[in-house]
């Protein structure tokens, strides 16, 4: 009898909770954005009611205590995993980290830094940022933040960033160790908005040929591009290399703004369409700042999403020649759905299509994210990345560009007009392992830190550095020695020789980056890129 009483009490409690949750959900649904209004079915046999009952039963009746938030998060993740590879859930912390590079700014002290020997080393203060204004210099070591030691205490990079960042207008006190200064220096810095650039490099790669590399598509990308084009045109640019290699995408609207700079008025850039989302078209306004000169678009197997939109638009409208390897094939449109606790669901609602009607999304099997993630390995095994003859398209996938009626293919991703094979010998497994273990970057930082004053004296300009700097053998030996201590060795003498040239170029580029900026890094490293060299040969 006692057991029956307990059972009925539990059932009544569960029934009461269900009614309460139903009221809360109905109330909450009224506050969804108008673009995302949802009809919630709470009938007796609805799947949502079934899900509610399961969650409430576990939370209230399970033998051990449970984390209700985690149960709900796991349920959401489980549902999304059964859909497509790009629908996802992010908790509040992940949402913030995800949005910062797309919003184009964060709030903090404004330094580029890296961790060397368990100490934060300032690579460069952000130009005109809070740190530079109070006198923080490249080479400074930040050892304390508000009297809390961050050096020599095995603190993670994420934890250090959390201490340095904070709301605009708040103050933070830093303890600094500087070479040549005996005592620890103290600086009080007022945090501010720190801009994040989405364009990595803008420079003249050859006479009359400009080069712009876009790292991702953020809120500021369109305006950054306009400034970059203006700068290069002043330097005599007639043709442009637009580098989208490794660009994982970003905002759709940013991609539209970028394509607009090159296309005449009313040209279709992209359209989206889905089961419950009507076709939406995006057209060029005709006010772009580079409507005449030739454009060469560089892509590879990591070029995705918004970067594929720009590539497809310029290819289909016969405005740009695409050079490189087949792109990633991410053509699903995610709508962000913000949840009350600051978390977010990014739900796929439609597909991207190029102006010629090609769907950018490559084929996938719902729920099989593992095979989808191995796409690069599969391409490498079947020879697609190294041999254009290994790429086959069905005749049914043929499409034609809109002006010159050149043959292009649908079926997912963007196939370049000019194929450049992946050079598997240039970036050897030996080199790859050294980079993955941080040995190349850490040894470059140590070298610059020990020789910064002399390097600045010997190479006052980048032109002098590029023409005269030779990577010291002792720096390369230090990398090799540290690699050997970590059981990283070349398989034979040939691999060691194959590694030398690209490693030397990479080291020189890294040193240029830290002495000057990212433009200078790419100005050196691009001279080793087969895709960049192919574009230059075509120009």
Protein backbone atom coordinates (compact mmCIF):
# COMPACT_ATOMS: atom_id res chain seq x y z
CA UNK A 1 0.00 0.00 0.00
CA UNK A 2 2.83 2.35 0.90
CA UNK A 3 4.46 1.64 -2.45
CA UNK A 4 1.25 2.47 -4.31
CA UNK A 5 0.91 5.71 -2.36
CA UNK A 6 4.46 6.72 -3.30
CA UNK A 7 3.78 5.81 -6.95
CA UNK A 8 0.62 7.96 -7.13
CA UNK A 9 2.39 10.85 -5.40
CA UNK A 10 5.20 10.67 -7.94
CA UNK A 11 2.77 10.44 -10.85
CA UNK A 12 0.79 13.44 -9.59
CA UNK A 13 4.01 15.41 -9.10
CA UNK A 14 5.09 14.58 -12.65
CA UNK A 15 1.67 15.56 -14.05
CA UNK A 16 1.81 18.89 -12.22
CA UNK A 17 5.32 19.57 -13.51
CA UNK A 18 4.29 18.75 -17.06
CA UNK A 19 1.45 21.28 -16.92
CA UNK A 20 3.82 23.88 -15.48
CA UNK A 21 6.40 23.33 -18.20
CA UNK A 22 3.70 23.48 -20.86
CA UNK A 23 2.70 26.94 -19.61
CA UNK A 24 6.35 28.11 -19.54
CA UNK A 25 7.00 26.85 -23.08
CA UNK A 26 3.86 28.49 -24.42
CA UNK A 27 4.87 31.73 -22.71
CA UNK A 28 8.42 31.53 -24.06
CA UNK A 29 7.26 30.81 -27.61
CA UNK A 30 5.65 34.24 -27.76
CA UNK A 31 9.09 35.82 -27.38
CA UNK A 32 10.85 34.05 -30.21
CA UNK A 33 12.03 36.44 -32.95
CA UNK A 34 9.35 37.01 -35.58
CA UNK A 35 11.58 35.31 -38.16
CA UNK A 36 11.68 32.18 -36.04
CA UNK A 37 8.12 31.83 -34.68
CA UNK A 38 7.42 28.21 -33.88
CA UNK A 39 4.13 26.41 -33.34
CA UNK A 40 4.48 24.15 -30.32
CA UNK A 41 2.28 21.05 -30.28
CA UNK A 42 1.50 19.90 -26.73
CA UNK A 43 -1.23 17.41 -27.56
CA UNK A 44 -1.29 14.16 -25.61
CA UNK A 45 0.56 12.18 -28.30
CA UNK A 46 2.99 14.89 -29.51
CA UNK A 47 6.73 14.05 -29.66
CA UNK A 48 7.49 17.20 -27.63
CA UNK A 49 5.28 16.02 -24.75
CA UNK A 50 7.03 12.65 -24.87
CA UNK A 51 10.40 14.39 -24.62
CA UNK A 52 9.21 16.54 -21.70
CA UNK A 53 7.94 13.51 -19.81
CA UNK A 54 11.24 11.69 -20.27
CA UNK A 55 13.30 14.67 -19.05
CA UNK A 56 11.01 15.34 -16.07
CA UNK A 57 10.95 11.67 -15.09
CA UNK A 58 14.77 11.47 -15.12
CA UNK A 59 15.20 14.75 -13.25
CA UNK A 60 12.63 14.01 -10.52
CA UNK A 61 12.59 10.24 -10.15
CA UNK A 62 16.03 8.89 -11.10
CA UNK A 63 17.84 7.06 -8.29
CA UNK A 64 20.86 9.45 -8.29
CA UNK A 65 21.06 13.20 -8.63
CA UNK A 66 21.48 14.41 -12.21
CA UNK A 67 22.60 17.61 -13.90
CA UNK A 68 19.39 18.78 -15.56
CA UNK A 69 21.19 21.29 -17.79
CA UNK A 70 23.55 18.63 -19.10
CA UNK A 71 20.68 16.21 -19.79
CA UNK A 72 18.89 18.84 -21.87
CA UNK A 73 22.11 19.83 -23.68
CA UNK A 74 22.87 16.19 -24.49
CA UNK A 75 19.33 15.71 -25.80
CA UNK A 76 19.65 18.75 -28.08
CA UNK A 77 23.05 17.58 -29.35
CA UNK A 78 21.66 14.09 -29.94
CA UNK A 79 18.81 15.44 -32.07
CA UNK A 80 21.09 17.69 -34.13
CA UNK A 81 23.62 14.92 -34.73
CA UNK A 82 20.96 12.97 -36.61
CA UNK A 83 20.41 15.82 -39.07
CA UNK A 84 23.25 17.26 -41.16
CA UNK A 85 26.96 17.84 -40.43
CA UNK A 86 26.56 21.57 -39.77
CA UNK A 87 23.53 21.92 -37.48
CA UNK A 88 25.02 22.35 -34.02
CA UNK A 89 24.56 23.43 -30.41
CA UNK A 90 26.87 25.80 -28.51
CA UNK A 91 26.82 26.68 -24.81
CA UNK A 92 27.05 30.38 -23.75
CA UNK A 93 30.86 30.35 -23.50
CA UNK A 94 31.20 28.73 -26.92
CA UNK A 95 28.76 31.23 -28.43
CA UNK A 96 30.87 34.14 -27.19
CA UNK A 97 34.11 32.63 -28.47
CA UNK A 98 32.46 31.82 -31.81
CA UNK A 99 31.04 35.31 -32.31
CA UNK A 100 34.15 37.38 -31.51
CA UNK A 101 36.03 36.80 -34.79
CA UNK A 102 32.82 37.34 -36.77
CA UNK A 103 31.82 40.52 -34.94
CA UNK A 104 35.23 41.98 -35.70
CA UNK A 105 36.20 43.03 -32.18
CA UNK A 106 36.60 42.03 -28.55
CA UNK A 107 37.24 43.99 -25.34
CA UNK A 108 40.67 43.73 -23.77
CA UNK A 109 44.17 45.22 -23.55
CA UNK A 110 45.22 44.79 -27.19
CA UNK A 111 48.34 42.64 -27.48
CA UNK A 112 49.38 39.78 -29.73
CA UNK A 113 51.12 37.25 -27.52
CA UNK A 114 52.39 33.72 -27.28
CA UNK A 115 53.49 31.48 -24.41
CA UNK A 116 57.24 30.80 -24.33
CA UNK A 117 58.80 28.76 -21.51
CA UNK A 118 55.61 29.11 -19.46
CA UNK A 119 55.68 32.91 -19.76
CA UNK A 120 53.48 35.29 -21.75
CA UNK A 121 55.64 37.02 -24.37
CA UNK A 122 54.23 40.09 -26.15
CA UNK A 123 54.71 39.67 -29.90
CA UNK A 124 53.25 43.06 -30.78
CA UNK A 125 50.88 45.53 -29.13
CA UNK A 126 47.87 46.33 -31.32
CA UNK A 127 48.51 49.59 -33.15
CA UNK A 128 46.96 52.51 -31.22
CA UNK A 129 45.47 50.06 -28.72
CA UNK A 130 45.36 50.37 -24.90
CA UNK A 131 48.67 48.56 -24.32
CA UNK A 132 50.62 50.55 -26.89
CA UNK A 133 49.27 53.82 -25.46
CA UNK A 134 50.71 53.10 -22.00
CA UNK A 135 54.08 51.90 -23.35
CA UNK A 136 53.87 48.09 -23.60
CA UNK A 137 56.49 46.94 -26.12
CA UNK A 138 57.20 43.88 -28.26
CA UNK A 139 59.36 41.50 -26.24
CA UNK A 140 57.82 42.43 -22.87
CA UNK A 141 56.90 39.55 -20.57
CA UNK A 142 53.65 39.85 -18.65
CA UNK A 143 54.23 38.05 -15.35
CA UNK A 144 51.35 39.28 -13.18
CA UNK A 145 47.75 40.37 -13.75
CA UNK A 146 46.24 42.30 -10.83
CA UNK A 147 48.99 40.90 -8.58
CA UNK A 148 48.18 37.30 -9.58
CA UNK A 149 51.20 35.47 -11.04
CA UNK A 150 50.61 34.07 -14.53
CA UNK A 151 54.25 33.15 -15.30
CA UNK A 152 55.77 29.86 -14.20
CA UNK A 153 52.46 28.53 -12.85
CA UNK A 154 51.35 26.33 -15.79
CA UNK A 155 48.31 28.54 -16.46
CA UNK A 156 46.47 27.74 -19.70
CA UNK A 157 46.35 30.24 -22.55
CA UNK A 158 42.56 30.39 -22.21
CA UNK A 159 42.79 31.26 -18.50
CA UNK A 160 45.34 34.00 -19.21
CA UNK A 161 43.12 35.48 -21.92
CA UNK A 162 40.18 35.45 -19.52
CA UNK A 163 42.21 37.54 -17.04
CA UNK A 164 43.43 40.01 -19.65
CA UNK A 165 40.06 40.55 -21.29
CA UNK A 166 37.19 42.40 -19.70
CA UNK A 167 34.50 45.03 -20.28
CA UNK A 168 35.48 48.25 -22.00
CA UNK A 169 36.47 50.94 -19.49
CA UNK A 170 37.58 48.55 -16.73
CA UNK A 171 41.19 48.70 -15.57
CA UNK A 172 43.79 45.97 -15.15
CA UNK A 173 47.27 46.20 -13.61
CA UNK A 174 50.07 44.31 -15.31
CA UNK A 175 53.50 43.39 -13.99
CA UNK A 176 56.07 43.48 -16.81
CA UNK A 177 59.61 42.14 -17.10
CA UNK A 178 61.59 43.95 -19.84
CA UNK A 179 65.04 43.10 -21.16
CA UNK A 180 67.64 45.61 -19.96
CA UNK A 181 65.44 46.86 -17.10
CA UNK A 182 66.38 45.52 -13.67
CA UNK A 183 63.10 45.95 -11.78
CA UNK A 184 59.62 44.75 -12.63
CA UNK A 185 57.54 47.44 -14.35
CA UNK A 186 53.89 48.12 -13.53
CA UNK A 187 51.32 49.38 -16.00
CA UNK A 188 47.65 50.20 -15.44
CA UNK A 189 45.65 49.71 -18.62
CA UNK A 190 42.08 50.71 -19.34
CA UNK A 191 40.49 48.02 -21.48
CA UNK A 192 38.90 49.02 -24.78
CA UNK A 193 37.38 47.61 -27.95
CA UNK A 194 40.09 45.79 -29.87
CA UNK A 195 39.50 45.38 -33.62
CA UNK A 196 39.95 41.94 -35.17
CA UNK A 197 40.93 41.95 -38.83
CA UNK A 198 39.38 39.40 -41.15
CA UNK A 199 41.78 40.24 -43.98
CA UNK A 200 45.22 38.74 -43.37
CA UNK A 201 47.30 40.47 -46.02
CA UNK A 202 47.20 43.31 -48.56
CA UNK A 203 50.27 44.03 -50.69
CA UNK A 204 51.60 44.35 -54.24
CA UNK A 205 52.87 40.88 -55.13
CA UNK A 206 54.23 42.01 -58.53
CA UNK A 207 54.20 45.31 -60.44
CA UNK A 208 50.56 46.10 -61.32
CA UNK A 209 49.37 42.95 -59.49
CA UNK A 210 47.76 43.25 -56.05
CA UNK A 211 47.26 40.47 -53.52
CA UNK A 212 44.54 40.27 -50.86
CA UNK A 213 44.04 37.29 -48.55
CA UNK A 214 40.74 37.03 -46.68
CA UNK A 215 40.97 34.86 -43.54
CA UNK A 216 37.24 34.72 -42.74
CA UNK A 217 34.03 36.58 -43.54
CA UNK A 218 33.10 38.87 -40.65
CA UNK A 219 31.00 42.00 -40.16
CA UNK A 220 33.96 44.19 -41.13
CA UNK A 221 35.22 42.22 -44.16
CA UNK A 222 33.43 44.36 -46.76
CA UNK A 223 34.84 47.64 -45.44
CA UNK A 224 38.29 46.07 -44.96
CA UNK A 225 38.26 44.94 -48.59
CA UNK A 226 37.30 48.41 -49.84
CA UNK A 227 40.24 49.91 -47.92
CA UNK A 228 42.59 47.22 -49.24
CA UNK A 229 41.54 47.78 -52.84
CA UNK A 230 41.93 51.54 -52.43
CA UNK A 231 45.45 51.08 -51.04
CA UNK A 232 46.53 48.77 -53.88
CA UNK A 233 45.05 50.94 -56.62
CA UNK A 234 47.11 53.85 -55.31
CA UNK A 235 50.15 51.62 -55.79
CA UNK A 236 49.27 50.93 -59.42
CA UNK A 237 47.24 47.70 -59.20
CA UNK A 238 45.56 46.62 -62.44
CA UNK A 239 44.94 42.93 -61.66
CA UNK A 240 44.12 41.23 -58.35
CA UNK A 241 44.87 37.88 -56.75
CA UNK A 242 42.09 37.18 -54.23
CA UNK A 243 43.33 34.43 -51.92
CA UNK A 244 40.58 32.38 -50.24
CA UNK A 245 42.71 29.33 -49.42
CA UNK A 246 41.89 27.91 -46.01
CA UNK A 247 39.00 30.37 -45.57
CA UNK A 248 36.30 28.51 -43.61
CA UNK A 249 33.58 31.09 -44.29
CA UNK A 250 31.51 33.26 -41.97
CA UNK A 251 28.61 35.64 -42.58
CA UNK A 252 26.55 35.33 -45.78
CA UNK A 253 26.12 39.10 -45.93
CA UNK A 254 29.89 39.60 -45.77
CA UNK A 255 30.30 37.29 -48.77
CA UNK A 256 27.67 39.31 -50.65
CA UNK A 257 29.53 42.55 -49.82
CA UNK A 258 32.82 41.11 -51.08
CA UNK A 259 31.34 39.80 -54.35
CA UNK A 260 29.62 43.17 -54.85
CA UNK A 261 33.03 44.87 -55.17
CA UNK A 262 33.69 42.96 -58.41
CA UNK A 263 30.32 42.48 -60.13
CA UNK A 264 28.20 44.86 -62.23
CA UNK A 265 24.75 45.97 -61.16
CA UNK A 266 22.02 43.33 -60.82
CA UNK A 267 24.38 40.38 -61.27
CA UNK A 268 23.13 37.47 -59.17
CA UNK A 269 25.63 36.59 -56.42
CA UNK A 270 23.91 33.70 -54.64
CA UNK A 271 20.46 32.45 -53.77
CA UNK A 272 19.19 30.34 -50.87
CA UNK A 273 16.26 27.96 -50.77
CA UNK A 274 14.90 25.39 -48.31
CA UNK A 275 11.87 23.27 -47.44
CA UNK A 276 10.22 25.98 -45.35
CA UNK A 277 12.31 28.93 -46.52
CA UNK A 278 11.40 30.63 -49.79
CA UNK A 279 14.01 31.38 -52.43
CA UNK A 280 15.97 34.50 -51.54
CA UNK A 281 18.27 36.14 -54.10
CA UNK A 282 21.23 38.45 -53.48
CA UNK A 283 22.31 40.77 -56.31
CA UNK A 284 25.20 43.17 -56.86
CA UNK A 285 24.42 46.84 -56.34
CA UNK A 286 26.81 47.99 -59.07
CA UNK A 287 28.81 50.32 -56.82
CA UNK A 288 31.85 48.04 -56.44
CA UNK A 289 35.35 49.50 -56.41
CA UNK A 290 37.02 46.92 -58.71
CA UNK A 291 34.74 46.34 -61.69
CA UNK A 292 37.37 46.34 -64.45
CA UNK A 293 40.71 44.59 -63.72
CA UNK A 294 41.23 40.83 -63.89
CA UNK A 295 40.56 38.76 -60.76
CA UNK A 296 42.25 35.45 -59.95
CA UNK A 297 40.61 33.55 -57.09
CA UNK A 298 42.78 31.05 -55.17
CA UNK A 299 41.06 28.13 -53.43
CA UNK A 300 41.86 24.77 -51.89
CA UNK A 301 40.15 21.88 -50.11
CA UNK A 302 39.64 24.03 -46.98
CA UNK A 303 37.86 26.89 -48.77
CA UNK A 304 34.29 26.71 -47.49
CA UNK A 305 30.86 28.32 -47.08
CA UNK A 306 30.93 32.10 -47.58
CA UNK A 307 34.27 31.77 -49.41
CA UNK A 308 32.61 29.32 -51.81
CA UNK A 309 29.78 31.80 -52.38
CA UNK A 310 32.25 34.45 -53.58
CA UNK A 311 34.18 31.90 -55.65
CA UNK A 312 31.04 30.51 -57.29
CA UNK A 313 29.66 33.97 -58.04
CA UNK A 314 32.84 35.21 -59.72
CA UNK A 315 33.20 31.96 -61.68
CA UNK A 316 29.57 31.72 -62.85
CA UNK A 317 29.50 35.38 -63.85
CA UNK A 318 32.84 34.95 -65.73
CA UNK A 319 34.34 37.68 -63.58
CA UNK A 320 37.21 35.69 -62.06
CA UNK A 321 39.44 32.74 -62.93
CA UNK A 322 39.47 30.14 -60.13
CA UNK A 323 42.82 28.45 -59.44
CA UNK A 324 43.68 25.64 -57.04
CA UNK A 325 41.79 22.54 -55.91
CA UNK A 326 38.13 21.63 -55.40
CA UNK A 327 36.69 23.51 -52.43
CA UNK A 328 35.24 21.97 -49.26
CA UNK A 329 31.57 21.93 -50.29
CA UNK A 330 29.81 23.53 -47.31
CA UNK A 331 26.62 24.98 -48.74
CA UNK A 332 24.11 24.69 -45.91
CA UNK A 333 22.61 27.85 -44.41
CA UNK A 334 22.38 27.89 -40.61
CA UNK A 335 19.89 30.08 -38.76
CA UNK A 336 21.03 30.97 -35.23
CA UNK A 337 18.32 30.32 -32.62
CA UNK A 338 19.24 31.93 -29.31
CA UNK A 339 18.12 30.14 -26.15
CA UNK A 340 17.27 31.88 -22.83
CA UNK A 341 20.58 31.03 -21.10
CA UNK A 342 22.74 32.50 -23.87
CA UNK A 343 23.33 29.18 -25.60
CA UNK A 344 22.49 28.77 -29.26
CA UNK A 345 21.27 26.27 -31.82
CA UNK A 346 22.57 26.78 -35.36
CA UNK A 347 19.95 24.99 -37.44
CA UNK A 348 20.27 24.30 -41.15
CA UNK A 349 17.26 25.82 -42.91
CA UNK A 350 18.28 26.08 -46.58
CA UNK A 351 20.99 25.54 -49.22
CA UNK A 352 23.32 27.94 -51.04
CA UNK A 353 23.17 27.98 -54.85
CA UNK A 354 25.55 29.72 -57.25
CA UNK A 355 24.16 32.03 -59.98
CA UNK A 356 24.21 29.13 -62.48
CA UNK A 357 22.10 27.03 -60.11
CA UNK A 358 24.81 24.80 -58.66
CA UNK A 359 24.23 23.63 -55.09
CA UNK A 360 27.43 24.24 -53.14
CA UNK A 361 26.77 21.54 -50.52
CA UNK A 362 28.56 18.24 -51.21
CA UNK A 363 26.61 14.99 -50.65
CA UNK A 364 26.38 13.60 -47.10
CA UNK A 365 24.60 10.86 -45.20
CA UNK A 366 22.48 12.12 -42.31
CA UNK A 367 23.99 11.15 -38.98
CA UNK A 368 27.27 9.92 -40.52
CA UNK A 369 29.48 12.82 -39.48
CA UNK A 370 32.57 10.61 -39.18
CA UNK A 371 32.78 9.86 -42.90
CA UNK A 372 32.01 13.52 -43.67
CA UNK A 373 34.94 14.59 -41.47
CA UNK A 374 37.29 12.23 -43.33
CA UNK A 375 36.61 13.89 -46.68
CA UNK A 376 40.18 15.21 -46.98
CA UNK A 377 41.65 11.76 -46.35
CA UNK A 378 39.26 10.22 -48.87
CA UNK A 379 40.21 12.81 -51.51
CA UNK A 380 43.89 12.15 -50.86
CA UNK A 381 43.45 8.36 -51.14
CA UNK A 382 41.52 8.51 -54.40
CA UNK A 383 44.14 10.84 -55.92
CA UNK A 384 41.87 13.87 -56.38
CA UNK A 385 44.25 16.24 -54.58
CA UNK A 386 47.29 15.23 -56.59
CA UNK A 387 45.96 14.35 -60.06
CA UNK A 388 43.22 16.11 -62.01
CA UNK A 389 42.58 12.90 -64.00
CA UNK A 390 41.24 11.33 -60.78
CA UNK A 391 38.30 13.76 -60.72
CA UNK A 392 35.22 12.53 -62.55
CA UNK A 393 31.82 14.19 -62.93
CA UNK A 394 28.63 12.79 -64.36
CA UNK A 395 27.31 14.52 -67.49
CA UNK A 396 24.14 15.31 -65.54
CA UNK A 397 26.18 17.66 -63.35
CA UNK A 398 27.30 19.90 -66.22
CA UNK A 399 26.49 23.59 -65.92
CA UNK A 400 27.57 26.63 -67.92
CA UNK A 401 28.79 30.05 -66.88
CA UNK A 402 26.38 32.88 -67.59
CA UNK A 403 28.39 35.09 -69.97
CA UNK A 404 30.97 32.98 -71.79
CA UNK A 405 29.10 29.66 -71.36
CA UNK A 406 32.18 27.85 -70.11
CA UNK A 407 31.56 24.37 -68.76
CA UNK A 408 31.52 24.01 -64.97
CA UNK A 409 30.17 21.29 -62.73
CA UNK A 410 27.62 21.01 -59.94
CA UNK A 411 27.38 18.19 -57.45
CA UNK A 412 28.85 20.05 -54.51
CA UNK A 413 31.79 22.42 -53.92
CA UNK A 414 33.46 24.60 -56.57
CA UNK A 415 35.82 23.00 -59.07
CA UNK A 416 38.58 25.42 -60.14
CA UNK A 417 39.16 26.46 -63.76
CA UNK A 418 42.86 25.71 -63.33
CA UNK A 419 43.84 22.70 -61.22
CA UNK A 420 47.01 22.83 -59.09
CA UNK A 421 47.99 19.50 -57.51
CA UNK A 422 48.90 19.21 -53.84
CA UNK A 423 52.68 18.84 -53.47
CA UNK A 424 52.94 16.12 -50.82
CA UNK A 425 56.75 16.40 -50.81
CA UNK A 426 56.87 20.10 -49.93
CA UNK A 427 55.33 19.70 -46.48
CA UNK A 428 56.89 16.47 -45.26
CA UNK A 429 55.58 14.32 -42.36
CA UNK A 430 58.77 15.27 -40.48
CA UNK A 431 58.02 18.97 -40.91
CA UNK A 432 54.34 18.47 -40.10
CA UNK A 433 55.14 16.77 -36.79
CA UNK A 434 57.54 19.56 -35.77
CA UNK A 435 54.90 22.19 -36.49
CA UNK A 436 52.15 20.21 -34.71
CA UNK A 437 54.30 20.03 -31.57
CA UNK A 438 54.89 23.81 -31.62
CA UNK A 439 58.64 23.45 -32.10
CA UNK A 440 58.96 25.78 -35.09
CA UNK A 441 57.00 28.70 -33.63
CA UNK A 442 58.51 28.41 -30.12
CA UNK A 443 62.11 28.38 -31.40
CA UNK A 444 61.43 31.34 -33.69
CA UNK A 445 60.00 33.29 -30.74
CA UNK A 446 63.06 32.49 -28.62
CA UNK A 447 65.38 33.58 -31.43
CA UNK A 448 63.56 36.88 -31.92
CA UNK A 449 63.40 37.49 -28.19
CA UNK A 450 67.15 37.00 -27.83
CA UNK A 451 68.06 39.04 -30.92
CA UNK A 452 65.26 41.59 -31.34
CA UNK A 453 67.43 44.68 -30.80
CA UNK A 454 70.10 43.55 -33.25
CA UNK A 455 67.53 42.41 -35.82
CA UNK A 456 65.80 45.81 -35.71
CA UNK A 457 69.18 47.48 -36.19
CA UNK A 458 70.31 45.24 -39.04
CA UNK A 459 66.94 45.21 -40.85
CA UNK A 460 65.24 48.61 -40.33
CA UNK A 461 62.79 47.94 -43.21
CA UNK A 462 61.11 44.84 -44.55
CA UNK A 463 62.73 45.39 -47.97
CA UNK A 464 66.17 45.12 -46.39
CA UNK A 465 65.08 42.07 -44.38
CA UNK A 466 63.58 40.25 -47.38
CA UNK A 467 66.65 40.79 -49.54
CA UNK A 468 69.36 40.12 -46.97
CA UNK A 469 68.16 37.96 -44.07
CA UNK A 470 69.31 34.33 -44.16
CA UNK A 471 67.93 31.93 -41.57
CA UNK A 472 70.82 31.06 -39.20
CA UNK A 473 71.82 27.40 -39.22
CA UNK A 474 71.93 27.42 -35.42
CA UNK A 475 68.20 28.26 -35.33
CA UNK A 476 67.37 25.33 -37.62
CA UNK A 477 69.68 23.09 -35.57
CA UNK A 478 67.82 24.11 -32.39
CA UNK A 479 64.54 23.03 -34.00
CA UNK A 480 66.03 19.71 -35.17
CA UNK A 481 67.57 19.06 -31.75
CA UNK A 482 64.34 19.73 -29.87
CA UNK A 483 62.47 17.55 -32.36
CA UNK A 484 64.87 14.68 -31.80
CA UNK A 485 64.41 15.00 -28.03
CA UNK A 486 60.66 14.53 -28.67
CA UNK A 487 61.31 11.43 -30.84
CA UNK A 488 60.56 13.33 -34.05
CA UNK A 489 63.08 12.35 -36.72
CA UNK A 490 63.12 12.13 -40.55
CA UNK A 491 62.63 8.65 -41.98
CA UNK A 492 65.75 9.09 -44.16
CA UNK A 493 68.21 11.65 -45.49
CA UNK A 494 65.94 12.46 -48.44
CA UNK A 495 63.09 13.55 -46.14
CA UNK A 496 65.52 15.72 -44.19
CA UNK A 497 66.62 17.41 -47.43
CA UNK A 498 63.04 17.80 -48.65
CA UNK A 499 62.13 19.48 -45.36
CA UNK A 500 64.92 22.08 -45.39
CA UNK A 501 63.69 24.48 -48.11
CA UNK A 502 60.11 24.95 -46.92
CA UNK A 503 61.10 24.98 -43.24
CA UNK A 504 63.63 27.75 -43.94
CA UNK A 505 61.02 29.81 -45.79
CA UNK A 506 58.51 29.29 -42.99
CA UNK A 507 61.01 30.35 -40.32
CA UNK A 508 61.94 33.48 -42.28
CA UNK A 509 58.24 34.30 -42.72
CA UNK A 510 57.54 33.84 -39.00
CA UNK A 511 60.41 36.13 -38.06
CA UNK A 512 59.14 38.72 -40.58
CA UNK A 513 55.66 38.49 -39.05
CA UNK A 514 56.96 39.24 -35.56
CA UNK A 515 59.33 42.01 -36.63
CA UNK A 516 56.83 43.61 -39.03
CA UNK A 517 53.28 42.27 -39.65
CA UNK A 518 51.12 39.66 -41.42
CA UNK A 519 51.51 41.30 -44.86
CA UNK A 520 55.22 40.60 -44.65
CA UNK A 521 54.65 37.00 -43.50
CA UNK A 522 52.59 36.24 -46.60
CA UNK A 523 54.94 38.18 -48.87
CA UNK A 524 57.61 35.60 -48.00
CA UNK A 525 55.58 32.40 -47.60
CA UNK A 526 53.60 32.98 -50.83
CA UNK A 527 56.79 32.61 -52.85
CA UNK A 528 56.71 28.91 -51.89
CA UNK A 529 53.01 28.39 -52.78
CA UNK A 530 52.34 26.44 -55.99
CA UNK A 531 48.85 27.92 -56.26
CA UNK A 532 50.13 31.50 -55.94
CA UNK A 533 52.91 30.78 -58.43
CA UNK A 534 50.40 29.35 -60.91
CA UNK A 535 48.30 32.53 -60.67
CA UNK A 536 51.38 34.67 -61.28
CA UNK A 537 52.37 32.58 -64.30
CA UNK A 538 48.89 33.05 -65.80
CA UNK A 539 49.05 36.80 -65.23
